[in-house]
Amino acid sequence: MSQVSYYTEEGLQNLKDEVKQLETVERPKISQQIADARDKGDLSENAEYDAAKEAQGMLEARISKLKNQLSTARLIDDSQLDASKVLILSKVTIKNIDNGMEITYTLVAENEADLSQKKISIKSPIAKGLLGKEKGDVAGIQTPGGVMQFEIVNISR
């Protein structure tokens, strides 16, 4: 049985859009490549045909995986979340106690993490250390260089 995956509305829509793109654009494109390669003659020595069939297999595996994720996807209702504590979908500003540097992260489901947008997975070490904490709390987070102390400066949605 597959594990339930939690998504924001945007993340769930992105997943649906990707499945639609793969099924309606990529699948017909690969089918055409297979047909073109088949028209070139002997299939036993046709590298183009073999490559197209392999690409088709990988595409179908990707579609299957995404559809499985969709079947276990659950939408997160952020209106039901406590804004006073760090939870999934919290936008948290933390300050490194040692050097005073501040950074803001949004805690998201694992499948929506994107460090370039400062969205970190709730399963990441930093997020795990912050979950359940309130503004003003200090979280000790294990890093490769040892435990680092971060103060929670702000929590928002």
C-alpha atoms as a PDB file:
ATOM      1  CA  MET A   1       0.000   0.000   0.000  1.00  0.00           C
ATOM      2  CA  SER A   2       1.271   3.448  -0.877  1.00  0.00           C
ATOM      3  CA  GLN A   3       1.866   6.120   1.684  1.00  0.00           C
ATOM      4  CA  VAL A   4      -0.401   9.182   1.715  1.00  0.00           C
ATOM      5  CA  SER A   5       1.243  12.297   0.266  1.00  0.00           C
ATOM      6  CA  TYR A   6       0.177  15.784   1.263  1.00  0.00           C
ATOM      7  CA  TYR A   7       0.026  18.611  -1.250  1.00  0.00           C
ATOM      8  CA  THR A   8      -0.814  22.265  -1.381  1.00  0.00           C
ATOM      9  CA  GLU A   9      -3.403  23.243  -3.972  1.00  0.00           C
ATOM     10  CA  GLU A  10      -0.604  24.478  -6.258  1.00  0.00           C
ATOM     11  CA  GLY A  11       1.453  21.309  -5.829  1.00  0.00           C
ATOM     12  CA  LEU A  12      -1.519  19.040  -6.545  1.00  0.00           C
ATOM     13  CA  GLN A  13      -2.365  21.026  -9.680  1.00  0.00           C
ATOM     14  CA  ASN A  14       1.259  20.799 -10.861  1.00  0.00           C
ATOM     15  CA  LEU A  15       1.125  17.012 -10.462  1.00  0.00           C
ATOM     16  CA  LYS A  16      -2.124  16.790 -12.456  1.00  0.00           C
ATOM     17  CA  ASP A  17      -0.683  19.061 -15.155  1.00  0.00           C
ATOM     18  CA  GLU A  18       2.427  16.895 -15.470  1.00  0.00           C
ATOM     19  CA  VAL A  19       0.353  13.723 -15.923  1.00  0.00           C
ATOM     20  CA  LYS A  20      -1.790  15.454 -18.556  1.00  0.00           C
ATOM     21  CA  GLN A  21       1.332  16.695 -20.405  1.00  0.00           C
ATOM     22  CA  LEU A  22       2.892  13.231 -20.420  1.00  0.00           C
ATOM     23  CA  GLU A  23      -0.302  11.527 -21.584  1.00  0.00           C
ATOM     24  CA  THR A  24      -1.436  14.022 -24.214  1.00  0.00           C
ATOM     25  CA  VAL A  25       1.869  15.304 -25.624  1.00  0.00           C
ATOM     26  CA  GLU A  26       4.763  12.999 -24.795  1.00  0.00           C
ATOM     27  CA  ARG A  27       2.972   9.655 -25.251  1.00  0.00           C
ATOM     28  CA  PRO A  28       1.781  10.439 -28.830  1.00  0.00           C
ATOM     29  CA  LYS A  29       5.245  11.825 -29.674  1.00  0.00           C
ATOM     30  CA  ILE A  30       6.936   8.563 -28.637  1.00  0.00           C
ATOM     31  CA  SER A  31       4.295   6.485 -30.418  1.00  0.00           C
ATOM     32  CA  GLN A  32       5.092   8.422 -33.589  1.00  0.00           C
ATOM     33  CA  GLN A  33       8.829   7.833 -33.109  1.00  0.00           C
ATOM     34  CA  ILE A  34       8.178   4.087 -32.783  1.00  0.00           C
ATOM     35  CA  ALA A  35       6.029   4.102 -35.917  1.00  0.00           C
ATOM     36  CA  ASP A  36       8.677   6.039 -37.864  1.00  0.00           C
ATOM     37  CA  ALA A  37      11.420   3.656 -36.754  1.00  0.00           C
ATOM     38  CA  ARG A  38       9.272   0.622 -37.589  1.00  0.00           C
ATOM     39  CA  ASP A  39       8.794   1.954 -41.122  1.00  0.00           C
ATOM     40  CA  LYS A  40      12.569   1.881 -41.656  1.00  0.00           C
ATOM     41  CA  GLY A  41      12.708  -1.870 -41.941  1.00  0.00           C
ATOM     42  CA  ASP A  42      14.301  -4.726 -40.006  1.00  0.00           C
ATOM     43  CA  LEU A  43      13.534  -4.224 -36.302  1.00  0.00           C
ATOM     44  CA  SER A  44      16.201  -6.661 -35.093  1.00  0.00           C
ATOM     45  CA  GLU A  45      18.992  -4.224 -36.013  1.00  0.00           C
ATOM     46  CA  ASN A  46      17.117  -0.943 -35.659  1.00  0.00           C
ATOM     47  CA  ALA A  47      18.706   1.105 -32.844  1.00  0.00           C
ATOM     48  CA  GLU A  48      16.235   3.940 -33.387  1.00  0.00           C
ATOM     49  CA  TYR A  49      13.326   1.547 -32.738  1.00  0.00           C
ATOM     50  CA  ASP A  50      15.016   0.128 -29.615  1.00  0.00           C
ATOM     51  CA  ALA A  51      15.651   3.631 -28.257  1.00  0.00           C
ATOM     52  CA  ALA A  52      12.055   4.696 -28.889  1.00  0.00           C
ATOM     53  CA  LYS A  53      10.706   1.551 -27.191  1.00  0.00           C
ATOM     54  CA  GLU A  54      12.990   2.171 -24.189  1.00  0.00           C
ATOM     55  CA  ALA A  55      11.816   5.800 -23.989  1.00  0.00           C
ATOM     56  CA  GLN A  56       8.227   4.569 -24.140  1.00  0.00           C
ATOM     57  CA  GLY A  57       8.852   2.207 -21.232  1.00  0.00           C
ATOM     58  CA  MET A  58      10.383   4.974 -19.131  1.00  0.00           C
ATOM     59  CA  LEU A  59       7.510   7.331 -19.975  1.00  0.00           C
ATOM     60  CA  GLU A  60       4.888   4.749 -19.033  1.00  0.00           C
ATOM     61  CA  ALA A  61       6.714   4.058 -15.753  1.00  0.00           C
ATOM     62  CA  ARG A  62       6.747   7.803 -14.985  1.00  0.00           C
ATOM     63  CA  ILE A  63       3.031   8.147 -15.781  1.00  0.00           C
ATOM     64  CA  SER A  64       2.253   5.147 -13.585  1.00  0.00           C
ATOM     65  CA  LYS A  65       4.289   6.570 -10.706  1.00  0.00           C
ATOM     66  CA  LEU A  66       2.597   9.981 -10.956  1.00  0.00           C
ATOM     67  CA  LYS A  67      -0.874   8.432 -11.139  1.00  0.00           C
ATOM     68  CA  ASN A  68      -0.057   6.406  -8.035  1.00  0.00           C
ATOM     69  CA  GLN A  69       0.981   9.616  -6.273  1.00  0.00           C
ATOM     70  CA  LEU A  70      -2.288  11.232  -7.348  1.00  0.00           C
ATOM     71  CA  SER A  71      -4.283   8.302  -5.990  1.00  0.00           C
ATOM     72  CA  THR A  72      -2.756   8.782  -2.534  1.00  0.00           C
ATOM     73  CA  ALA A  73      -2.634  12.597  -2.625  1.00  0.00           C
ATOM     74  CA  ARG A  74      -4.404  14.601   0.039  1.00  0.00           C
ATOM     75  CA  LEU A  75      -4.930  18.356  -0.083  1.00  0.00           C
ATOM     76  CA  ILE A  76      -3.697  20.319   2.941  1.00  0.00           C
ATOM     77  CA  ASP A  77      -6.314  22.708   4.323  1.00  0.00           C
ATOM     78  CA  ASP A  78      -4.159  25.505   5.707  1.00  0.00           C
ATOM     79  CA  SER A  79      -7.172  27.235   7.292  1.00  0.00           C
ATOM     80  CA  GLN A  80      -7.226  24.420   9.874  1.00  0.00           C
ATOM     81  CA  LEU A  81      -3.577  24.850  10.893  1.00  0.00           C
ATOM     82  CA  ASP A  82      -2.467  26.576  14.109  1.00  0.00           C
ATOM     83  CA  ALA A  83      -0.547  29.716  13.108  1.00  0.00           C
ATOM     84  CA  SER A  84       1.184  30.050  16.484  1.00  0.00           C
ATOM     85  CA  LYS A  85       3.312  26.941  15.965  1.00  0.00           C
ATOM     86  CA  VAL A  86       5.631  25.792  13.209  1.00  0.00           C
ATOM     87  CA  LEU A  87       3.690  23.317  11.063  1.00  0.00           C
ATOM     88  CA  ILE A  88       3.545  22.313   7.432  1.00  0.00           C
ATOM     89  CA  LEU A  89       2.963  25.407   5.225  1.00  0.00           C
ATOM     90  CA  SER A  90       4.409  27.697   7.904  1.00  0.00           C
ATOM     91  CA  LYS A  91       6.655  30.472   6.668  1.00  0.00           C
ATOM     92  CA  VAL A  92       9.323  30.583   9.348  1.00  0.00           C
ATOM     93  CA  THR A  93      12.040  33.166   9.861  1.00  0.00           C
ATOM     94  CA  ILE A  94      14.912  31.765  11.911  1.00  0.00           C
ATOM     95  CA  LYS A  95      18.056  33.397  13.267  1.00  0.00           C
ATOM     96  CA  ASN A  96      21.334  31.569  13.684  1.00  0.00           C
ATOM     97  CA  ILE A  97      22.294  32.214  17.321  1.00  0.00           C
ATOM     98  CA  ASP A  98      26.044  32.004  16.553  1.00  0.00           C
ATOM     99  CA  ASN A  99      26.295  34.535  13.722  1.00  0.00           C
ATOM    100  CA  GLY A 100      22.960  36.408  13.832  1.00  0.00           C
ATOM    101  CA  MET A 101      22.070  35.603  10.206  1.00  0.00           C
ATOM    102  CA  GLU A 102      18.350  35.328   9.458  1.00  0.00           C
ATOM    103  CA  ILE A 103      16.680  33.244   6.776  1.00  0.00           C
ATOM    104  CA  THR A 104      13.054  32.508   5.948  1.00  0.00           C
ATOM    105  CA  TYR A 105      11.814  29.106   4.822  1.00  0.00           C
ATOM    106  CA  THR A 106       8.400  27.743   3.975  1.00  0.00           C
ATOM    107  CA  LEU A 107       7.871  24.193   5.217  1.00  0.00           C
ATOM    108  CA  VAL A 108       6.179  22.079   2.565  1.00  0.00           C
ATOM    109  CA  ALA A 109       5.464  18.445   1.805  1.00  0.00           C
ATOM    110  CA  GLU A 110       8.492  16.453   0.693  1.00  0.00           C
ATOM    111  CA  ASN A 111       7.364  16.322  -2.930  1.00  0.00           C
ATOM    112  CA  GLU A 112       7.046  20.132  -3.162  1.00  0.00           C
ATOM    113  CA  ALA A 113      10.425  21.070  -1.705  1.00  0.00           C
ATOM    114  CA  ASP A 114      12.413  23.542  -3.809  1.00  0.00           C
ATOM    115  CA  LEU A 115      15.389  25.190  -2.136  1.00  0.00           C
ATOM    116  CA  SER A 116      15.623  27.846  -4.874  1.00  0.00           C
ATOM    117  CA  GLN A 117      12.205  29.085  -3.694  1.00  0.00           C
ATOM    118  CA  LYS A 118      13.164  28.584  -0.025  1.00  0.00           C
ATOM    119  CA  LYS A 119      10.651  25.760   0.313  1.00  0.00           C
ATOM    120  CA  ILE A 120      12.045  22.962   2.458  1.00  0.00           C
ATOM    121  CA  SER A 121      10.639  19.524   3.127  1.00  0.00           C
ATOM    122  CA  ILE A 122       9.092  18.887   6.512  1.00  0.00           C
ATOM    123  CA  LYS A 123      11.287  15.780   6.532  1.00  0.00           C
ATOM    124  CA  SER A 124      14.517  17.812   6.290  1.00  0.00           C
ATOM    125  CA  PRO A 125      16.669  18.089   9.428  1.00  0.00           C
ATOM    126  CA  ILE A 126      16.002  21.834   9.772  1.00  0.00           C
ATOM    127  CA  ALA A 127      12.229  21.436   9.458  1.00  0.00           C
ATOM    128  CA  LYS A 128      12.164  18.476  11.854  1.00  0.00           C
ATOM    129  CA  GLY A 129      13.941  20.616  14.429  1.00  0.00           C
ATOM    130  CA  LEU A 130      11.475  23.482  13.969  1.00  0.00           C
ATOM    131  CA  LEU A 131       8.173  21.568  13.886  1.00  0.00           C
ATOM    132  CA  GLY A 132       5.939  22.315  16.859  1.00  0.00           C
ATOM    133  CA  LYS A 133       8.053  25.228  18.093  1.00  0.00           C
ATOM    134  CA  GLU A 134       6.643  28.701  18.738  1.00  0.00           C
ATOM    135  CA  LYS A 135       7.936  32.238  18.123  1.00  0.00           C
ATOM    136  CA  GLY A 136      10.859  32.931  20.456  1.00  0.00           C
ATOM    137  CA  ASP A 137      11.744  29.250  20.940  1.00  0.00           C
ATOM    138  CA  VAL A 138      15.282  28.079  20.246  1.00  0.00           C
ATOM    139  CA  ALA A 139      15.722  24.889  18.236  1.00  0.00           C
ATOM    140  CA  GLY A 140      18.874  22.810  18.319  1.00  0.00           C
ATOM    141  CA  ILE A 141      19.360  21.286  14.883  1.00  0.00           C
ATOM    142  CA  GLN A 142      21.892  18.553  14.143  1.00  0.00           C
ATOM    143  CA  THR A 143      24.114  19.408  11.189  1.00  0.00           C
ATOM    144  CA  PRO A 144      27.234  17.711   9.842  1.00  0.00           C
ATOM    145  CA  GLY A 145      29.266  20.342  11.708  1.00  0.00           C
ATOM    146  CA  GLY A 146      27.470  19.714  15.001  1.00  0.00           C
ATOM    147  CA  VAL A 147      24.364  21.076  16.678  1.00  0.00           C
ATOM    148  CA  MET A 148      23.377  24.601  15.595  1.00  0.00           C
ATOM    149  CA  GLN A 149      21.010  26.793  17.562  1.00  0.00           C
ATOM    150  CA  PHE A 150      18.273  28.710  15.729  1.00  0.00           C
ATOM    151  CA  GLU A 151      15.815  31.144  17.278  1.00  0.00           C
ATOM    152  CA  ILE A 152      12.361  31.340  15.716  1.00  0.00           C
ATOM    153  CA  VAL A 153      11.892  35.022  14.886  1.00  0.00           C
ATOM    154  CA  ASN A 154       8.553  34.853  13.076  1.00  0.00           C
ATOM    155  CA  ILE A 155       5.881  32.374  11.951  1.00  0.00           C
ATOM    156  CA  SER A 156       3.302  33.196   9.290  1.00  0.00           C
ATOM    157  CA  ARG A 157       1.114  31.467   6.713  1.00  0.00           C
END
